[in-house]
Amino acid sequence: SDLDKFDITGHVINQLAFSRLSSTPLSTILSHLPEEAGAISKDDLTALINSIDCIGEVSREGKDAAGKKLESEYYYIPDKDKDEKRKEAVVNDLMKPGLRACRKQHKVCDSNLLKCH
């Protein structure tokens, strides 16, 4: 089948690992799969994602504004990734500078003290 030719698992892990979002809804993951992935159903994709150790699930209860059931969202867990290169890239390249840059932007200047902290 087409699924054998294209590495959906690897693609999904990469999509989540290198995402700027903390978690990603199933429909977004599905919509970002390339054509080579073939037609995979949401159920099949959910089963596949649930079989991947380094992906966690955020179950969401309730309905959205349109009355549709809220989708589960998924996130990458570097500690459980068996792909050392990807794990290293995510932990070293994405996380640390991102956090550092974030902290730099959020320095608060207190006008009463006239000092930044």
Foldseek 3Di string as FASTA:
>chain_A
DLQVVDPLLVLLQLCQLPDPDQWAFLVVSVVPDDCSNPDDDSVRVVVSQVVDQQKDKADDADADPVRHGDTIIIHGHLVRDPPVVSSCCSVPPPPPVVVVVVVVVPFDQDVVVRDTD
